[in-house]
Amino acid sequence: MNKYSVILCLGSNVDQADHIDYARRILSERFDNVRLTRNLWTEPVGPSPARYLNCLAAFDTKLSYSDLNSMLKGIEREMGRNAEDKAEHLVKIDIDILKYDHTPYHLQDWERSYVKQLMKEIRGNYNS
């Protein structure tokens, strides 16, 4: 079975440190050899009421893109993400796939300064 390289972007603007730390632990429990960047505070884009705390995670997985995305959305729901909060621009946790295998996703995020900055940390010990 093939293994696919993955890079995720994690973000939170509600109880930021607690939610990011919890998501980091869950990813480390569910995947082998997860490499995590430091957490980085960022200003909100759009109508968000609070700053975000962000980090990147990189690992290899045998899951298909669809199965991985479903798992990540399940983690978001498990951590309390819901439509009501989304309508209020409250993000307990957001986990986006930036790269799966050799395909980039969320192309606008790749242009954000914090992603560029944190990618340097990932590239230090991960072939992205």
N, C-alpha and C. Protein backbone atom coordinates (compact mmCIF):
# COMPACT_ATOMS: atom_id res chain seq x y z
N MET A 1 0.84 -1.18 0.00
CA MET A 1 0.00 0.00 0.00
C MET A 1 0.89 1.25 0.00
N ASN A 2 0.52 2.24 -0.80
CA ASN A 2 1.29 3.47 -0.91
C ASN A 2 1.19 4.32 0.34
N LYS A 3 2.26 5.09 0.58
CA LYS A 3 2.24 6.11 1.62
C LYS A 3 2.27 7.45 0.92
N TYR A 4 1.53 8.39 1.47
CA TYR A 4 1.43 9.72 0.89
C TYR A 4 1.92 10.75 1.90
N SER A 5 2.73 11.69 1.44
CA SER A 5 3.18 12.77 2.31
C SER A 5 2.09 13.81 2.43
N VAL A 6 1.91 14.31 3.64
CA VAL A 6 0.83 15.24 3.95
C VAL A 6 1.38 16.42 4.74
N ILE A 7 0.86 17.60 4.44
CA ILE A 7 1.11 18.78 5.28
C ILE A 7 -0.25 19.37 5.61
N LEU A 8 -0.47 19.60 6.91
CA LEU A 8 -1.72 20.18 7.39
C LEU A 8 -1.45 21.54 7.99
N CYS A 9 -2.46 22.40 7.95
CA CYS A 9 -2.43 23.67 8.65
C CYS A 9 -3.51 23.63 9.72
N LEU A 10 -3.13 23.94 10.95
CA LEU A 10 -4.06 23.97 12.07
C LEU A 10 -4.23 25.41 12.51
N GLY A 11 -5.46 25.79 12.86
CA GLY A 11 -5.71 27.14 13.34
C GLY A 11 -6.86 27.17 14.32
N SER A 12 -6.81 28.14 15.24
CA SER A 12 -7.88 28.32 16.22
C SER A 12 -7.93 29.78 16.64
N ASN A 13 -9.15 30.30 16.86
CA ASN A 13 -9.29 31.65 17.41
C ASN A 13 -10.14 31.67 18.67
N VAL A 14 -10.37 30.50 19.27
CA VAL A 14 -11.11 30.36 20.52
C VAL A 14 -10.29 29.49 21.46
N ASP A 15 -9.98 29.99 22.65
CA ASP A 15 -9.13 29.21 23.57
C ASP A 15 -7.99 28.59 22.77
N GLN A 16 -7.29 29.45 22.07
CA GLN A 16 -6.37 29.03 21.02
C GLN A 16 -5.34 28.00 21.47
N ALA A 17 -4.60 28.29 22.52
CA ALA A 17 -3.52 27.39 22.94
C ALA A 17 -4.07 26.01 23.32
N ASP A 18 -5.18 25.99 24.06
CA ASP A 18 -5.76 24.71 24.47
C ASP A 18 -6.19 23.89 23.26
N HIS A 19 -6.87 24.52 22.31
CA HIS A 19 -7.36 23.79 21.15
C HIS A 19 -6.23 23.32 20.23
N ILE A 20 -5.25 24.17 20.01
CA ILE A 20 -4.12 23.76 19.16
C ILE A 20 -3.35 22.63 19.82
N ASP A 21 -3.09 22.76 21.12
CA ASP A 21 -2.34 21.70 21.82
C ASP A 21 -3.10 20.38 21.78
N TYR A 22 -4.42 20.43 21.95
CA TYR A 22 -5.21 19.20 21.90
C TYR A 22 -5.16 18.58 20.51
N ALA A 23 -5.31 19.40 19.48
CA ALA A 23 -5.25 18.88 18.10
C ALA A 23 -3.88 18.29 17.80
N ARG A 24 -2.82 18.92 18.28
CA ARG A 24 -1.47 18.39 18.08
C ARG A 24 -1.35 17.00 18.71
N ARG A 25 -1.90 16.85 19.92
CA ARG A 25 -1.85 15.54 20.60
C ARG A 25 -2.64 14.49 19.83
N ILE A 26 -3.83 14.84 19.36
CA ILE A 26 -4.65 13.88 18.62
C ILE A 26 -3.92 13.42 17.36
N LEU A 27 -3.35 14.36 16.61
CA LEU A 27 -2.64 13.98 15.38
C LEU A 27 -1.46 13.07 15.70
N SER A 28 -0.74 13.38 16.78
CA SER A 28 0.41 12.55 17.16
C SER A 28 0.00 11.16 17.61
N GLU A 29 -1.21 11.03 18.16
CA GLU A 29 -1.73 9.72 18.56
C GLU A 29 -2.20 8.91 17.36
N ARG A 30 -2.74 9.56 16.35
CA ARG A 30 -3.36 8.84 15.23
C ARG A 30 -2.42 8.58 14.06
N PHE A 31 -1.30 9.29 14.01
CA PHE A 31 -0.35 9.12 12.91
C PHE A 31 1.06 8.96 13.47
N ASP A 32 1.87 8.18 12.76
CA ASP A 32 3.26 7.98 13.16
C ASP A 32 4.13 9.13 12.67
N ASN A 33 5.15 9.43 13.45
CA ASN A 33 6.20 10.37 13.04
C ASN A 33 5.65 11.72 12.59
N VAL A 34 4.71 12.27 13.35
CA VAL A 34 4.18 13.59 13.04
C VAL A 34 5.23 14.63 13.42
N ARG A 35 5.53 15.51 12.46
CA ARG A 35 6.45 16.61 12.70
C ARG A 35 5.63 17.88 12.77
N LEU A 36 5.80 18.62 13.85
CA LEU A 36 5.00 19.81 14.11
C LEU A 36 5.89 21.04 14.18
N THR A 37 5.40 22.14 13.64
CA THR A 37 6.12 23.40 13.77
C THR A 37 5.76 24.02 15.12
N ARG A 38 6.40 25.12 15.40
CA ARG A 38 6.01 25.90 16.58
C ARG A 38 4.64 26.52 16.30
N ASN A 39 3.99 26.97 17.34
CA ASN A 39 2.74 27.72 17.20
C ASN A 39 3.08 29.16 16.89
N LEU A 40 2.26 29.78 16.04
CA LEU A 40 2.51 31.16 15.62
C LEU A 40 1.20 31.94 15.66
N TRP A 41 1.22 33.08 16.36
CA TRP A 41 0.05 33.95 16.41
C TRP A 41 -0.07 34.72 15.11
N THR A 42 -1.30 34.84 14.60
CA THR A 42 -1.55 35.59 13.37
C THR A 42 -2.79 36.45 13.53
N GLU A 43 -2.79 37.55 12.81
CA GLU A 43 -3.95 38.43 12.81
C GLU A 43 -5.04 37.79 11.95
N PRO A 44 -6.30 38.02 12.30
CA PRO A 44 -7.39 37.42 11.55
C PRO A 44 -7.49 37.98 10.14
N VAL A 45 -7.95 37.14 9.24
CA VAL A 45 -8.28 37.54 7.88
C VAL A 45 -9.81 37.55 7.82
N GLY A 46 -10.39 38.68 7.50
CA GLY A 46 -11.84 38.76 7.46
C GLY A 46 -12.42 39.17 8.80
N PRO A 47 -13.67 38.79 9.07
CA PRO A 47 -14.41 39.30 10.23
C PRO A 47 -14.17 38.56 11.55
N SER A 48 -13.12 37.79 11.65
CA SER A 48 -12.85 37.03 12.88
C SER A 48 -12.72 37.98 14.07
N PRO A 49 -13.30 37.61 15.22
CA PRO A 49 -13.23 38.48 16.40
C PRO A 49 -11.91 38.39 17.17
N ALA A 50 -11.05 37.47 16.84
CA ALA A 50 -9.84 37.28 17.64
C ALA A 50 -8.69 36.79 16.76
N ARG A 51 -7.48 36.94 17.30
CA ARG A 51 -6.30 36.44 16.60
C ARG A 51 -6.35 34.91 16.55
N TYR A 52 -5.61 34.38 15.60
CA TYR A 52 -5.49 32.94 15.44
C TYR A 52 -4.15 32.46 15.98
N LEU A 53 -4.14 31.24 16.44
CA LEU A 53 -2.91 30.52 16.72
C LEU A 53 -2.83 29.42 15.67
N ASN A 54 -1.70 29.35 14.98
CA ASN A 54 -1.54 28.40 13.87
C ASN A 54 -0.29 27.57 14.04
N CYS A 55 -0.28 26.41 13.41
CA CYS A 55 0.92 25.61 13.26
C CYS A 55 0.72 24.70 12.05
N LEU A 56 1.79 24.06 11.63
CA LEU A 56 1.72 23.08 10.55
C LEU A 56 2.11 21.72 11.10
N ALA A 57 1.58 20.68 10.49
CA ALA A 57 1.93 19.30 10.83
C ALA A 57 2.26 18.57 9.54
N ALA A 58 3.25 17.70 9.60
CA ALA A 58 3.65 16.92 8.42
C ALA A 58 3.84 15.46 8.84
N PHE A 59 3.39 14.56 7.98
CA PHE A 59 3.54 13.13 8.25
C PHE A 59 3.22 12.37 6.97
N ASP A 60 3.43 11.07 7.01
CA ASP A 60 3.06 10.18 5.91
C ASP A 60 1.85 9.35 6.35
N THR A 61 0.99 9.05 5.40
CA THR A 61 -0.21 8.26 5.70
C THR A 61 -0.52 7.32 4.55
N LYS A 62 -1.19 6.23 4.88
CA LYS A 62 -1.71 5.31 3.86
C LYS A 62 -3.15 5.65 3.50
N LEU A 63 -3.76 6.58 4.23
CA LEU A 63 -5.15 6.95 3.96
C LEU A 63 -5.27 7.68 2.62
N SER A 64 -6.38 7.47 1.95
CA SER A 64 -6.67 8.25 0.74
C SER A 64 -6.96 9.69 1.16
N TYR A 65 -6.93 10.59 0.18
CA TYR A 65 -7.24 11.99 0.48
C TYR A 65 -8.63 12.09 1.12
N SER A 66 -9.59 11.41 0.54
CA SER A 66 -10.97 11.47 1.03
C SER A 66 -11.07 10.95 2.46
N ASP A 67 -10.43 9.82 2.74
CA ASP A 67 -10.48 9.25 4.09
C ASP A 67 -9.77 10.15 5.09
N LEU A 68 -8.63 10.71 4.69
CA LEU A 68 -7.91 11.63 5.58
C LEU A 68 -8.76 12.86 5.87
N ASN A 69 -9.34 13.45 4.83
CA ASN A 69 -10.16 14.64 5.02
C ASN A 69 -11.35 14.34 5.93
N SER A 70 -11.97 13.18 5.76
CA SER A 70 -13.09 12.79 6.62
C SER A 70 -12.63 12.65 8.07
N MET A 71 -11.46 12.05 8.28
CA MET A 71 -10.94 11.91 9.63
C MET A 71 -10.69 13.28 10.27
N LEU A 72 -10.10 14.19 9.50
CA LEU A 72 -9.80 15.52 10.03
C LEU A 72 -11.08 16.28 10.37
N LYS A 73 -12.09 16.18 9.52
CA LYS A 73 -13.36 16.84 9.81
C LYS A 73 -14.00 16.21 11.05
N GLY A 74 -13.80 14.91 11.24
CA GLY A 74 -14.28 14.25 12.45
C GLY A 74 -13.58 14.78 13.69
N ILE A 75 -12.28 15.01 13.60
CA ILE A 75 -11.53 15.60 14.72
C ILE A 75 -12.08 16.99 15.03
N GLU A 76 -12.33 17.77 13.99
CA GLU A 76 -12.90 19.11 14.21
C GLU A 76 -14.23 19.02 14.95
N ARG A 77 -15.10 18.12 14.53
CA ARG A 77 -16.40 17.96 15.20
C ARG A 77 -16.21 17.48 16.63
N GLU A 78 -15.29 16.52 16.82
CA GLU A 78 -15.00 15.99 18.16
C GLU A 78 -14.55 17.11 19.09
N MET A 79 -13.85 18.09 18.53
CA MET A 79 -13.34 19.21 19.33
C MET A 79 -14.36 20.34 19.46
N GLY A 80 -15.55 20.13 18.92
CA GLY A 80 -16.63 21.09 19.14
C GLY A 80 -16.90 22.06 18.01
N ARG A 81 -16.29 21.88 16.86
CA ARG A 81 -16.56 22.78 15.74
C ARG A 81 -17.99 22.53 15.25
N ASN A 82 -18.74 23.62 15.04
CA ASN A 82 -20.13 23.49 14.61
C ASN A 82 -20.54 24.68 13.77
N ALA A 83 -21.68 24.55 13.12
CA ALA A 83 -22.16 25.58 12.19
C ALA A 83 -22.48 26.89 12.90
N GLU A 84 -22.99 26.81 14.13
CA GLU A 84 -23.34 28.03 14.86
C GLU A 84 -22.09 28.87 15.12
N ASP A 85 -21.02 28.24 15.59
CA ASP A 85 -19.77 28.97 15.82
C ASP A 85 -19.22 29.51 14.51
N LYS A 86 -19.29 28.72 13.45
CA LYS A 86 -18.78 29.16 12.15
C LYS A 86 -19.49 30.43 11.70
N ALA A 87 -20.80 30.49 11.92
CA ALA A 87 -21.57 31.68 11.55
C ALA A 87 -21.12 32.91 12.33
N GLU A 88 -20.60 32.70 13.53
CA GLU A 88 -20.10 33.79 14.38
C GLU A 88 -18.60 34.01 14.20
N HIS A 89 -17.99 33.30 13.27
CA HIS A 89 -16.55 33.38 12.98
C HIS A 89 -15.71 32.93 14.17
N LEU A 90 -16.26 32.00 14.94
CA LEU A 90 -15.54 31.40 16.06
C LEU A 90 -15.02 30.04 15.60
N VAL A 91 -13.72 29.86 15.68
CA VAL A 91 -13.09 28.64 15.17
C VAL A 91 -12.34 27.96 16.31
N LYS A 92 -12.97 26.93 16.88
CA LYS A 92 -12.27 26.17 17.92
C LYS A 92 -11.07 25.48 17.32
N ILE A 93 -11.26 24.86 16.17
CA ILE A 93 -10.14 24.24 15.45
C ILE A 93 -10.50 24.15 13.97
N ASP A 94 -9.52 24.42 13.16
CA ASP A 94 -9.64 24.25 11.71
C ASP A 94 -8.40 23.48 11.28
N ILE A 95 -8.61 22.36 10.62
CA ILE A 95 -7.50 21.54 10.14
C ILE A 95 -7.67 21.37 8.64
N ASP A 96 -6.78 22.00 7.90
CA ASP A 96 -6.85 21.96 6.44
C ASP A 96 -5.66 21.18 5.87
N ILE A 97 -5.92 20.42 4.82
CA ILE A 97 -4.85 19.73 4.10
C ILE A 97 -4.23 20.73 3.13
N LEU A 98 -2.97 21.10 3.38
CA LEU A 98 -2.25 21.99 2.47
C LEU A 98 -1.62 21.22 1.32
N LYS A 99 -1.16 20.00 1.63
CA LYS A 99 -0.53 19.18 0.60
C LYS A 99 -0.85 17.72 0.85
N TYR A 100 -1.23 17.02 -0.21
CA TYR A 100 -1.43 15.58 -0.14
C TYR A 100 -0.67 14.99 -1.31
N ASP A 101 0.29 14.12 -1.00
CA ASP A 101 1.20 13.56 -1.99
C ASP A 101 1.91 14.73 -2.66
N HIS A 102 1.76 14.92 -3.93
CA HIS A 102 2.45 16.04 -4.59
C HIS A 102 1.48 17.15 -4.99
N THR A 103 0.26 17.09 -4.47
CA THR A 103 -0.77 18.05 -4.88
C THR A 103 -1.02 19.08 -3.78
N PRO A 104 -0.86 20.36 -4.09
CA PRO A 104 -1.18 21.40 -3.10
C PRO A 104 -2.69 21.70 -3.10
N TYR A 105 -3.20 22.04 -1.93
CA TYR A 105 -4.60 22.44 -1.75
C TYR A 105 -4.61 23.77 -1.01
N HIS A 106 -5.76 24.41 -0.96
CA HIS A 106 -5.90 25.71 -0.29
C HIS A 106 -4.81 26.66 -0.78
N LEU A 107 -4.76 26.86 -2.07
CA LEU A 107 -3.67 27.61 -2.69
C LEU A 107 -3.52 29.01 -2.12
N GLN A 108 -4.62 29.65 -1.72
CA GLN A 108 -4.52 30.99 -1.14
C GLN A 108 -3.74 30.96 0.17
N ASP A 109 -3.84 29.87 0.91
CA ASP A 109 -3.11 29.77 2.18
C ASP A 109 -1.60 29.71 1.97
N TRP A 110 -1.15 29.12 0.87
CA TRP A 110 0.28 29.03 0.59
C TRP A 110 0.90 30.42 0.47
N GLU A 111 0.10 31.43 0.15
CA GLU A 111 0.60 32.80 -0.01
C GLU A 111 0.64 33.57 1.31
N ARG A 112 0.05 33.04 2.35
CA ARG A 112 0.03 33.74 3.64
C ARG A 112 1.42 33.69 4.26
N SER A 113 1.80 34.80 4.88
CA SER A 113 3.16 34.90 5.41
C SER A 113 3.44 33.86 6.48
N TYR A 114 2.45 33.55 7.34
CA TYR A 114 2.71 32.58 8.39
C TYR A 114 2.93 31.18 7.82
N VAL A 115 2.23 30.83 6.74
CA VAL A 115 2.43 29.52 6.11
C VAL A 115 3.83 29.46 5.52
N LYS A 116 4.24 30.51 4.83
CA LYS A 116 5.59 30.55 4.27
C LYS A 116 6.64 30.42 5.37
N GLN A 117 6.42 31.12 6.47
CA GLN A 117 7.36 31.07 7.59
C GLN A 117 7.43 29.67 8.20
N LEU A 118 6.27 29.08 8.46
CA LEU A 118 6.25 27.75 9.08
C LEU A 118 6.70 26.65 8.13
N MET A 119 6.50 26.86 6.83
CA MET A 119 6.99 25.87 5.86
C MET A 119 8.51 25.74 5.93
N LYS A 120 9.20 26.80 6.27
CA LYS A 120 10.66 26.73 6.42
C LYS A 120 11.02 25.73 7.52
N GLU A 121 10.22 25.69 8.58
CA GLU A 121 10.47 24.73 9.66
C GLU A 121 10.19 23.30 9.18
N ILE A 122 9.11 23.13 8.44
CA ILE A 122 8.78 21.80 7.91
C ILE A 122 9.87 21.33 6.95
N ARG A 123 10.31 22.21 6.08
CA ARG A 123 11.32 21.84 5.09
C ARG A 123 12.65 21.48 5.74
N GLY A 124 12.87 21.95 6.95
CA GLY A 124 14.11 21.63 7.64
C GLY A 124 14.27 20.15 7.91
N ASN A 125 13.14 19.43 8.03
CA ASN A 125 13.24 17.99 8.31
C ASN A 125 12.18 17.18 7.57
N TYR A 126 11.70 17.72 6.44
CA TYR A 126 10.65 17.02 5.70
C TYR A 126 10.73 17.44 4.25
N ASN A 127 10.64 16.50 3.36
CA ASN A 127 10.71 16.81 1.93
C ASN A 127 9.34 17.27 1.45
N SER A 128 9.17 18.57 1.31
CA SER A 128 7.88 19.10 0.88
C SER A 128 7.99 19.61 -0.52
